[in-house]
Amino acid sequence: ESTHFEKEKERLVKEIGHEFEQALNNSNMLGRRLEEVLGVGKEFNTIAALWGVFGNIVGKDTKEDDNDSSSSIIHQQGIPGTG
């Protein structure tokens, strides 16, 4: 015959086992969610790289246009202090 202490011990061991199972399930679910998030992030790497290249090209064109316009202004007005 089981004593009250043994019954309580058995109940607590079962409860602890159940809680560990829940913690393991939650940990697995978190791992899957993190993998999904990383997967979505990786999908955007190519798009981000493409936009980066586009931005670099547009930035170079803009700088070249600025340099061209500033040099033409210097030629039209002359460089100050050179007569």
PDB file of N, CA and C in Angstrom:
ATOM      1  N   GLU A   1       0.841  -1.186   0.000  1.00  0.00           N
ATOM      2  CA  GLU A   1       0.000   0.000   0.000  1.00  0.00           C
ATOM      3  C   GLU A   1       0.887   1.251   0.000  1.00  0.00           C
ATOM      4  N   SER A   2       0.525   2.220  -0.840  1.00  0.00           N
ATOM      5  CA  SER A   2       1.297   3.456  -0.958  1.00  0.00           C
ATOM      6  C   SER A   2       0.902   4.422   0.135  1.00  0.00           C
ATOM      7  N   THR A   3       1.900   5.088   0.627  1.00  0.00           N
ATOM      8  CA  THR A   3       1.628   6.113   1.626  1.00  0.00           C
ATOM      9  C   THR A   3       1.266   7.414   0.913  1.00  0.00           C
ATOM     10  N   HIS A   4       0.779   8.334   1.706  1.00  0.00           N
ATOM     11  CA  HIS A   4       0.424   9.649   1.153  1.00  0.00           C
ATOM     12  C   HIS A   4       1.657  10.300   0.512  1.00  0.00           C
ATOM     13  N   PHE A   5       2.804  10.165   1.163  1.00  0.00           N
ATOM     14  CA  PHE A   5       4.047  10.745   0.644  1.00  0.00           C
ATOM     15  C   PHE A   5       4.393  10.152  -0.718  1.00  0.00           C
ATOM     16  N   GLU A   6       4.286   8.847  -0.873  1.00  0.00           N
ATOM     17  CA  GLU A   6       4.617   8.181  -2.135  1.00  0.00           C
ATOM     18  C   GLU A   6       3.652   8.590  -3.242  1.00  0.00           C
ATOM     19  N   LYS A   7       2.377   8.708  -2.910  1.00  0.00           N
ATOM     20  CA  LYS A   7       1.383   9.145  -3.902  1.00  0.00           C
ATOM     21  C   LYS A   7       1.680  10.575  -4.362  1.00  0.00           C
ATOM     22  N   GLU A   8       1.986  11.420  -3.395  1.00  0.00           N
ATOM     23  CA  GLU A   8       2.291  12.823  -3.729  1.00  0.00           C
ATOM     24  C   GLU A   8       3.565  12.902  -4.568  1.00  0.00           C
ATOM     25  N   LYS A   9       4.562  12.097  -4.215  1.00  0.00           N
ATOM     26  CA  LYS A   9       5.805  12.050  -4.975  1.00  0.00           C
ATOM     27  C   LYS A   9       5.535  11.609  -6.405  1.00  0.00           C
ATOM     28  N   GLU A  10       4.736  10.576  -6.586  1.00  0.00           N
ATOM     29  CA  GLU A  10       4.404  10.074  -7.928  1.00  0.00           C
ATOM     30  C   GLU A  10       3.660  11.132  -8.740  1.00  0.00           C
ATOM     31  N   ARG A  11       2.730  11.809  -8.082  1.00  0.00           N
ATOM     32  CA  ARG A  11       1.970  12.864  -8.767  1.00  0.00           C
ATOM     33  C   ARG A  11       2.900  13.991  -9.216  1.00  0.00           C
ATOM     34  N   LEU A  12       3.804  14.404  -8.341  1.00  0.00           N
ATOM     35  CA  LEU A  12       4.733  15.487  -8.673  1.00  0.00           C
ATOM     36  C   LEU A  12       5.703  15.075  -9.775  1.00  0.00           C
ATOM     37  N   VAL A  13       6.160  13.824  -9.756  1.00  0.00           N
ATOM     38  CA  VAL A  13       7.060  13.343 -10.807  1.00  0.00           C
ATOM     39  C   VAL A  13       6.341  13.371 -12.151  1.00  0.00           C
ATOM     40  N   LYS A  14       5.078  12.938 -12.182  1.00  0.00           N
ATOM     41  CA  LYS A  14       4.294  12.976 -13.428  1.00  0.00           C
ATOM     42  C   LYS A  14       4.105  14.416 -13.898  1.00  0.00           C
ATOM     43  N   GLU A  15       3.797  15.299 -12.954  1.00  0.00           N
ATOM     44  CA  GLU A  15       3.596  16.712 -13.301  1.00  0.00           C
ATOM     45  C   GLU A  15       4.886  17.318 -13.855  1.00  0.00           C
ATOM     46  N   ILE A  16       6.002  17.021 -13.225  1.00  0.00           N
ATOM     47  CA  ILE A  16       7.293  17.529 -13.700  1.00  0.00           C
ATOM     48  C   ILE A  16       7.591  16.982 -15.089  1.00  0.00           C
ATOM     49  N   GLY A  17       7.322  15.691 -15.303  1.00  0.00           N
ATOM     50  CA  GLY A  17       7.528  15.097 -16.628  1.00  0.00           C
ATOM     51  C   GLY A  17       6.679  15.779 -17.687  1.00  0.00           C
ATOM     52  N   HIS A  18       5.415  16.051 -17.329  1.00  0.00           N
ATOM     53  CA  HIS A  18       4.514  16.738 -18.259  1.00  0.00           C
ATOM     54  C   HIS A  18       5.031  18.146 -18.569  1.00  0.00           C
ATOM     55  N   GLU A  19       5.498  18.848 -17.548  1.00  0.00           N
ATOM     56  CA  GLU A  19       6.018  20.206 -17.745  1.00  0.00           C
ATOM     57  C   GLU A  19       7.274  20.191 -18.621  1.00  0.00           C
ATOM     58  N   PHE A  20       8.136  19.188 -18.433  1.00  0.00           N
ATOM     59  CA  PHE A  20       9.319  19.070 -19.289  1.00  0.00           C
ATOM     60  C   PHE A  20       8.922  18.814 -20.738  1.00  0.00           C
ATOM     61  N   GLU A  21       7.912  17.984 -20.948  1.00  0.00           N
ATOM     62  CA  GLU A  21       7.428  17.727 -22.312  1.00  0.00           C
ATOM     63  C   GLU A  21       6.918  19.015 -22.944  1.00  0.00           C
ATOM     64  N   GLN A  22       6.166  19.788 -22.169  1.00  0.00           N
ATOM     65  CA  GLN A  22       5.665  21.068 -22.685  1.00  0.00           C
ATOM     66  C   GLN A  22       6.819  22.012 -23.019  1.00  0.00           C
ATOM     67  N   ALA A  23       7.810  22.072 -22.148  1.00  0.00           N
ATOM     68  CA  ALA A  23       8.967  22.938 -22.397  1.00  0.00           C
ATOM     69  C   ALA A  23       9.701  22.496 -23.658  1.00  0.00           C
ATOM     70  N   LEU A  24       9.851  21.185 -23.843  1.00  0.00           N
ATOM     71  CA  LEU A  24      10.515  20.670 -25.039  1.00  0.00           C
ATOM     72  C   LEU A  24       9.709  21.007 -26.291  1.00  0.00           C
ATOM     73  N   ASN A  25       8.389  20.833 -26.225  1.00  0.00           N
ATOM     74  CA  ASN A  25       7.532  21.175 -27.368  1.00  0.00           C
ATOM     75  C   ASN A  25       7.630  22.662 -27.697  1.00  0.00           C
ATOM     76  N   ASN A  26       7.603  23.500 -26.667  1.00  0.00           N
ATOM     77  CA  ASN A  26       7.717  24.947 -26.894  1.00  0.00           C
ATOM     78  C   ASN A  26       9.074  25.305 -27.482  1.00  0.00           C
ATOM     79  N   SER A  27      10.112  24.638 -27.015  1.00  0.00           N
ATOM     80  CA  SER A  27      11.453  24.878 -27.553  1.00  0.00           C
ATOM     81  C   SER A  27      11.527  24.470 -29.019  1.00  0.00           C
ATOM     82  N   ASN A  28      10.941  23.334 -29.354  1.00  0.00           N
ATOM     83  CA  ASN A  28      10.918  22.890 -30.754  1.00  0.00           C
ATOM     84  C   ASN A  28      10.134  23.866 -31.624  1.00  0.00           C
ATOM     85  N   MET A  29       9.000  24.344 -31.110  1.00  0.00           N
ATOM     86  CA  MET A  29       8.187  25.295 -31.864  1.00  0.00           C
ATOM     87  C   MET A  29       8.962  26.598 -32.078  1.00  0.00           C
ATOM     88  N   LEU A  30       9.664  27.048 -31.049  1.00  0.00           N
ATOM     89  CA  LEU A  30      10.479  28.258 -31.180  1.00  0.00           C
ATOM     90  C   LEU A  30      11.563  28.059 -32.233  1.00  0.00           C
ATOM     91  N   GLY A  31      12.196  26.898 -32.225  1.00  0.00           N
ATOM     92  CA  GLY A  31      13.221  26.598 -33.226  1.00  0.00           C
ATOM     93  C   GLY A  31      12.664  26.643 -34.636  1.00  0.00           C
ATOM     94  N   ARG A  32      11.470  26.072 -34.827  1.00  0.00           N
ATOM     95  CA  ARG A  32      10.847  26.109 -36.158  1.00  0.00           C
ATOM     96  C   ARG A  32      10.527  27.535 -36.578  1.00  0.00           C
ATOM     97  N   ARG A  33      10.031  28.333 -35.654  1.00  0.00           N
ATOM     98  CA  ARG A  33       9.706  29.732 -35.971  1.00  0.00           C
ATOM     99  C   ARG A  33      10.969  30.511 -36.339  1.00  0.00           C
ATOM    100  N   LEU A  34      12.041  30.273 -35.604  1.00  0.00           N
ATOM    101  CA  LEU A  34      13.302  30.958 -35.919  1.00  0.00           C
ATOM    102  C   LEU A  34      13.813  30.551 -37.292  1.00  0.00           C
ATOM    103  N   GLU A  35      13.677  29.275 -37.632  1.00  0.00           N
ATOM    104  CA  GLU A  35      14.079  28.824 -38.968  1.00  0.00           C
ATOM    105  C   GLU A  35      13.241  29.502 -40.041  1.00  0.00           C
ATOM    106  N   GLU A  36      11.933  29.661 -39.774  1.00  0.00           N
ATOM    107  CA  GLU A  36      11.065  30.344 -40.739  1.00  0.00           C
ATOM    108  C   GLU A  36      11.500  31.793 -40.920  1.00  0.00           C
ATOM    109  N   VAL A  37      11.788  32.461 -39.815  1.00  0.00           N
ATOM    110  CA  VAL A  37      12.203  33.864 -39.883  1.00  0.00           C
ATOM    111  C   VAL A  37      13.510  33.992 -40.659  1.00  0.00           C
ATOM    112  N   LEU A  38      14.457  33.114 -40.376  1.00  0.00           N
ATOM    113  CA  LEU A  38      15.729  33.157 -41.103  1.00  0.00           C
ATOM    114  C   LEU A  38      15.523  32.854 -42.579  1.00  0.00           C
ATOM    115  N   GLY A  39      14.601  31.941 -42.882  1.00  0.00           N
ATOM    116  CA  GLY A  39      14.314  31.614 -44.279  1.00  0.00           C
ATOM    117  C   GLY A  39      13.746  32.806 -45.021  1.00  0.00           C
ATOM    118  N   VAL A  40      12.831  33.518 -44.374  1.00  0.00           N
ATOM    119  CA  VAL A  40      12.251  34.707 -45.003  1.00  0.00           C
ATOM    120  C   VAL A  40      13.334  35.762 -45.191  1.00  0.00           C
ATOM    121  N   GLY A  41      14.194  35.932 -44.202  1.00  0.00           N
ATOM    122  CA  GLY A  41      15.281  36.903 -44.320  1.00  0.00           C
ATOM    123  C   GLY A  41      16.211  36.578 -45.468  1.00  0.00           C
ATOM    124  N   LYS A  42      16.514  35.292 -45.666  1.00  0.00           N
ATOM    125  CA  LYS A  42      17.409  34.890 -46.750  1.00  0.00           C
ATOM    126  C   LYS A  42      16.774  35.154 -48.110  1.00  0.00           C
ATOM    127  N   GLU A  43      15.445  35.056 -48.177  1.00  0.00           N
ATOM    128  CA  GLU A  43      14.757  35.320 -49.443  1.00  0.00           C
ATOM    129  C   GLU A  43      14.965  36.764 -49.887  1.00  0.00           C
ATOM    130  N   PHE A  44      15.146  37.663 -48.942  1.00  0.00           N
ATOM    131  CA  PHE A  44      15.300  39.075 -49.275  1.00  0.00           C
ATOM    132  C   PHE A  44      16.746  39.465 -49.541  1.00  0.00           C
ATOM    133  N   ASN A  45      17.703  38.564 -49.284  1.00  0.00           N
ATOM    134  CA  ASN A  45      19.113  38.897 -49.530  1.00  0.00           C
ATOM    135  C   ASN A  45      19.355  39.239 -50.992  1.00  0.00           C
ATOM    136  N   THR A  46      18.798  38.447 -51.897  1.00  0.00           N
ATOM    137  CA  THR A  46      18.996  38.692 -53.325  1.00  0.00           C
ATOM    138  C   THR A  46      18.378  40.021 -53.731  1.00  0.00           C
ATOM    139  N   ILE A  47      17.181  40.274 -53.246  1.00  0.00           N
ATOM    140  CA  ILE A  47      16.502  41.531 -53.578  1.00  0.00           C
ATOM    141  C   ILE A  47      17.278  42.716 -53.012  1.00  0.00           C
ATOM    142  N   ALA A  48      17.750  42.573 -51.778  1.00  0.00           N
ATOM    143  CA  ALA A  48      18.521  43.658 -51.162  1.00  0.00           C
ATOM    144  C   ALA A  48      19.809  43.913 -51.937  1.00  0.00           C
ATOM    145  N   ALA A  49      20.465  42.847 -52.371  1.00  0.00           N
ATOM    146  CA  ALA A  49      21.697  43.012 -53.147  1.00  0.00           C
ATOM    147  C   ALA A  49      21.411  43.712 -54.468  1.00  0.00           C
ATOM    148  N   LEU A  50      20.314  43.342 -55.107  1.00  0.00           N
ATOM    149  CA  LEU A  50      19.941  43.969 -56.371  1.00  0.00           C
ATOM    150  C   LEU A  50      19.676  45.459 -56.178  1.00  0.00           C
ATOM    151  N   TRP A  51      18.925  45.813 -55.139  1.00  0.00           N
ATOM    152  CA  TRP A  51      18.662  47.223 -54.869  1.00  0.00           C
ATOM    153  C   TRP A  51      19.952  47.951 -54.501  1.00  0.00           C
ATOM    154  N   GLY A  52      20.871  47.264 -53.829  1.00  0.00           N
ATOM    155  CA  GLY A  52      22.158  47.880 -53.500  1.00  0.00           C
ATOM    156  C   GLY A  52      22.941  48.230 -54.747  1.00  0.00           C
ATOM    157  N   VAL A  53      22.964  47.310 -55.704  1.00  0.00           N
ATOM    158  CA  VAL A  53      23.652  47.571 -56.975  1.00  0.00           C
ATOM    159  C   VAL A  53      22.982  48.736 -57.692  1.00  0.00           C
ATOM    160  N   PHE A  54      21.661  48.721 -57.721  1.00  0.00           N
ATOM    161  CA  PHE A  54      20.916  49.806 -58.354  1.00  0.00           C
ATOM    162  C   PHE A  54      21.249  51.142 -57.688  1.00  0.00           C
ATOM    163  N   GLY A  55      21.273  51.145 -56.349  1.00  0.00           N
ATOM    164  CA  GLY A  55      21.596  52.372 -55.624  1.00  0.00           C
ATOM    165  C   GLY A  55      22.997  52.864 -55.930  1.00  0.00           C
ATOM    166  N   ASN A  56      23.943  51.937 -56.035  1.00  0.00           N
ATOM    167  CA  ASN A  56      25.317  52.327 -56.374  1.00  0.00           C
ATOM    168  C   ASN A  56      25.393  52.929 -57.768  1.00  0.00           C
ATOM    169  N   ILE A  57      24.689  52.326 -58.710  1.00  0.00           N
ATOM    170  CA  ILE A  57      24.694  52.831 -60.085  1.00  0.00           C
ATOM    171  C   ILE A  57      24.064  54.213 -60.142  1.00  0.00           C
ATOM    172  N   VAL A  58      22.910  54.363 -59.506  1.00  0.00           N
ATOM    173  CA  VAL A  58      22.228  55.656 -59.499  1.00  0.00           C
ATOM    174  C   VAL A  58      23.090  56.686 -58.781  1.00  0.00           C
ATOM    175  N   GLY A  59      23.725  56.292 -57.690  1.00  0.00           N
ATOM    176  CA  GLY A  59      24.597  57.208 -56.951  1.00  0.00           C
ATOM    177  C   GLY A  59      25.769  57.669 -57.785  1.00  0.00           C
ATOM    178  N   LYS A  60      26.371  56.766 -58.555  1.00  0.00           N
ATOM    179  CA  LYS A  60      27.497  57.138 -59.421  1.00  0.00           C
ATOM    180  C   LYS A  60      27.039  58.084 -60.514  1.00  0.00           C
ATOM    181  N   ASP A  61      25.880  57.783 -61.108  1.00  0.00           N
ATOM    182  CA  ASP A  61      25.357  58.665 -62.153  1.00  0.00           C
ATOM    183  C   ASP A  61      25.087  60.052 -61.596  1.00  0.00           C
ATOM    184  N   THR A  62      24.535  60.120 -60.410  1.00  0.00           N
ATOM    185  CA  THR A  62      24.233  61.409 -59.797  1.00  0.00           C
ATOM    186  C   THR A  62      25.516  62.171 -59.508  1.00  0.00           C
ATOM    187  N   LYS A  63      26.536  61.479 -58.997  1.00  0.00           N
ATOM    188  CA  LYS A  63      27.814  62.144 -58.716  1.00  0.00           C
ATOM    189  C   LYS A  63      28.464  62.637 -60.000  1.00  0.00           C
ATOM    190  N   GLU A  64      28.401  61.831 -61.058  1.00  0.00           N
ATOM    191  CA  GLU A  64      28.977  62.245 -62.339  1.00  0.00           C
ATOM    192  C   GLU A  64      28.237  63.457 -62.881  1.00  0.00           C
ATOM    193  N   ASP A  65      26.901  63.464 -62.759  1.00  0.00           N
ATOM    194  CA  ASP A  65      26.120  64.616 -63.209  1.00  0.00           C
ATOM    195  C   ASP A  65      26.497  65.850 -62.406  1.00  0.00           C
ATOM    196  N   ASP A  66      26.662  65.695 -61.086  1.00  0.00           N
ATOM    197  CA  ASP A  66      27.042  66.822 -60.245  1.00  0.00           C
ATOM    198  C   ASP A  66      28.421  67.334 -60.634  1.00  0.00           C
ATOM    199  N   ASN A  67      29.353  66.436 -60.878  1.00  0.00           N
ATOM    200  CA  ASN A  67      30.708  66.842 -61.271  1.00  0.00           C
ATOM    201  C   ASN A  67      30.688  67.541 -62.622  1.00  0.00           C
ATOM    202  N   ASP A  68      29.921  67.011 -63.565  1.00  0.00           N
ATOM    203  CA  ASP A  68      29.828  67.636 -64.883  1.00  0.00           C
ATOM    204  C   ASP A  68      29.244  69.032 -64.774  1.00  0.00           C
ATOM    205  N   SER A  69      28.176  69.197 -64.018  1.00  0.00           N
ATOM    206  CA  SER A  69      27.533  70.502 -63.924  1.00  0.00           C
ATOM    207  C   SER A  69      28.417  71.481 -63.164  1.00  0.00           C
ATOM    208  N   SER A  70      29.119  71.012 -62.126  1.00  0.00           N
ATOM    209  CA  SER A  70      29.971  71.942 -61.386  1.00  0.00           C
ATOM    210  C   SER A  70      31.183  72.341 -62.215  1.00  0.00           C
ATOM    211  N   SER A  71      31.731  71.433 -63.012  1.00  0.00           N
ATOM    212  CA  SER A  71      32.877  71.803 -63.846  1.00  0.00           C
ATOM    213  C   SER A  71      32.443  72.744 -64.954  1.00  0.00           C
ATOM    214  N   SER A  72      31.248  72.583 -65.483  1.00  0.00           N
ATOM    215  CA  SER A  72      30.789  73.494 -66.531  1.00  0.00           C
ATOM    216  C   SER A  72      30.523  74.881 -65.959  1.00  0.00           C
ATOM    217  N   ILE A  73      30.076  74.950 -64.722  1.00  0.00           N
ATOM    218  CA  ILE A  73      29.870  76.256 -64.082  1.00  0.00           C
ATOM    219  C   ILE A  73      31.210  76.952 -63.904  1.00  0.00           C
ATOM    220  N   ILE A  74      32.231  76.198 -63.506  1.00  0.00           N
ATOM    221  CA  ILE A  74      33.563  76.787 -63.331  1.00  0.00           C
ATOM    222  C   ILE A  74      34.084  77.314 -64.658  1.00  0.00           C
ATOM    223  N   HIS A  75      33.880  76.562 -65.735  1.00  0.00           N
ATOM    224  CA  HIS A  75      34.350  77.016 -67.044  1.00  0.00           C
ATOM    225  C   HIS A  75      33.591  78.258 -67.502  1.00  0.00           C
ATOM    226  N   GLN A  76      32.306  78.335 -67.193  1.00  0.00           N
ATOM    227  CA  GLN A  76      31.520  79.487 -67.622  1.00  0.00           C
ATOM    228  C   GLN A  76      31.890  80.735 -66.830  1.00  0.00           C
ATOM    229  N   GLN A  77      32.062  80.581 -65.522  1.00  0.00           N
ATOM    230  CA  GLN A  77      32.285  81.746 -64.676  1.00  0.00           C
ATOM    231  C   GLN A  77      33.762  82.010 -64.430  1.00  0.00           C
ATOM    232  N   GLY A  78      34.579  81.033 -64.635  1.00  0.00           N
ATOM    233  CA  GLY A  78      35.995  81.180 -64.305  1.00  0.00           C
ATOM    234  C   GLY A  78      36.228  80.849 -62.848  1.00  0.00           C
ATOM    235  N   ILE A  79      37.447  80.485 -62.533  1.00  0.00           N
ATOM    236  CA  ILE A  79      37.783  80.161 -61.153  1.00  0.00           C
ATOM    237  C   ILE A  79      38.103  81.456 -60.440  1.00  0.00           C
ATOM    238  N   PRO A  80      37.441  81.719 -59.317  1.00  0.00           N
ATOM    239  CA  PRO A  80      37.676  82.972 -58.589  1.00  0.00           C
ATOM    240  C   PRO A  80      39.138  83.110 -58.179  1.00  0.00           C
ATOM    241  N   GLY A  81      39.664  84.327 -58.312  1.00  0.00           N
ATOM    242  CA  GLY A  81      41.031  84.609 -57.902  1.00  0.00           C
ATOM    243  C   GLY A  81      42.075  84.312 -58.962  1.00  0.00           C
ATOM    244  N   THR A  82      41.642  83.861 -60.163  1.00  0.00           N
ATOM    245  CA  THR A  82      42.617  83.551 -61.212  1.00  0.00           C
ATOM    246  C   THR A  82      42.597  84.602 -62.308  1.00  0.00           C
ATOM    247  N   GLY A  83      41.748  85.569 -62.162  1.00  0.00           N
ATOM    248  CA  GLY A  83      41.747  86.655 -63.126  1.00  0.00           C
ATOM    249  C   GLY A  83      40.733  86.471 -64.120  1.00  0.00           C
TER     250      GLY A  83
END
